Amino acid sequence: MRHFGGSCGEFVPCEICESPAVDVHHIDARGMGGSEEKDYIENLMGLCRECHEYFGDKKKFKRMLKIVHQFRLTNPS
C-alpha cells in the first residue's frame, strides 16, 4: 500500500469515500488472462469493499474513477 501513501499496517483511505481501503481496483481491467501489464500505479485505486462493488468494473463509472484517481495521485493528503 506504499503507492497509496502509506506503509504496511497504516490506514489508507478509500479514494472515493475515505473509509479504510481494503481492495485494489484496476481501472482498466486486467481481463481473464491474469496479465500484469495493467499493474501500474496510474491504473490501481485503493477502494473500500462497498465502493469496489458499486463502482468497480462498470463502464459508466470508468471516466469518473480515472479523474478521481488522477486527482488523488497529484494531490496526496
Foldseek 3Di string as FASTA:
>chain_A
DVLQPDDPPDFRAFLPPGHGFDDKAFLPDPPPVPDCPSVDQLRIGGHHPVCCVVQGPDPVCSVVVSVSSVCCNVDPD
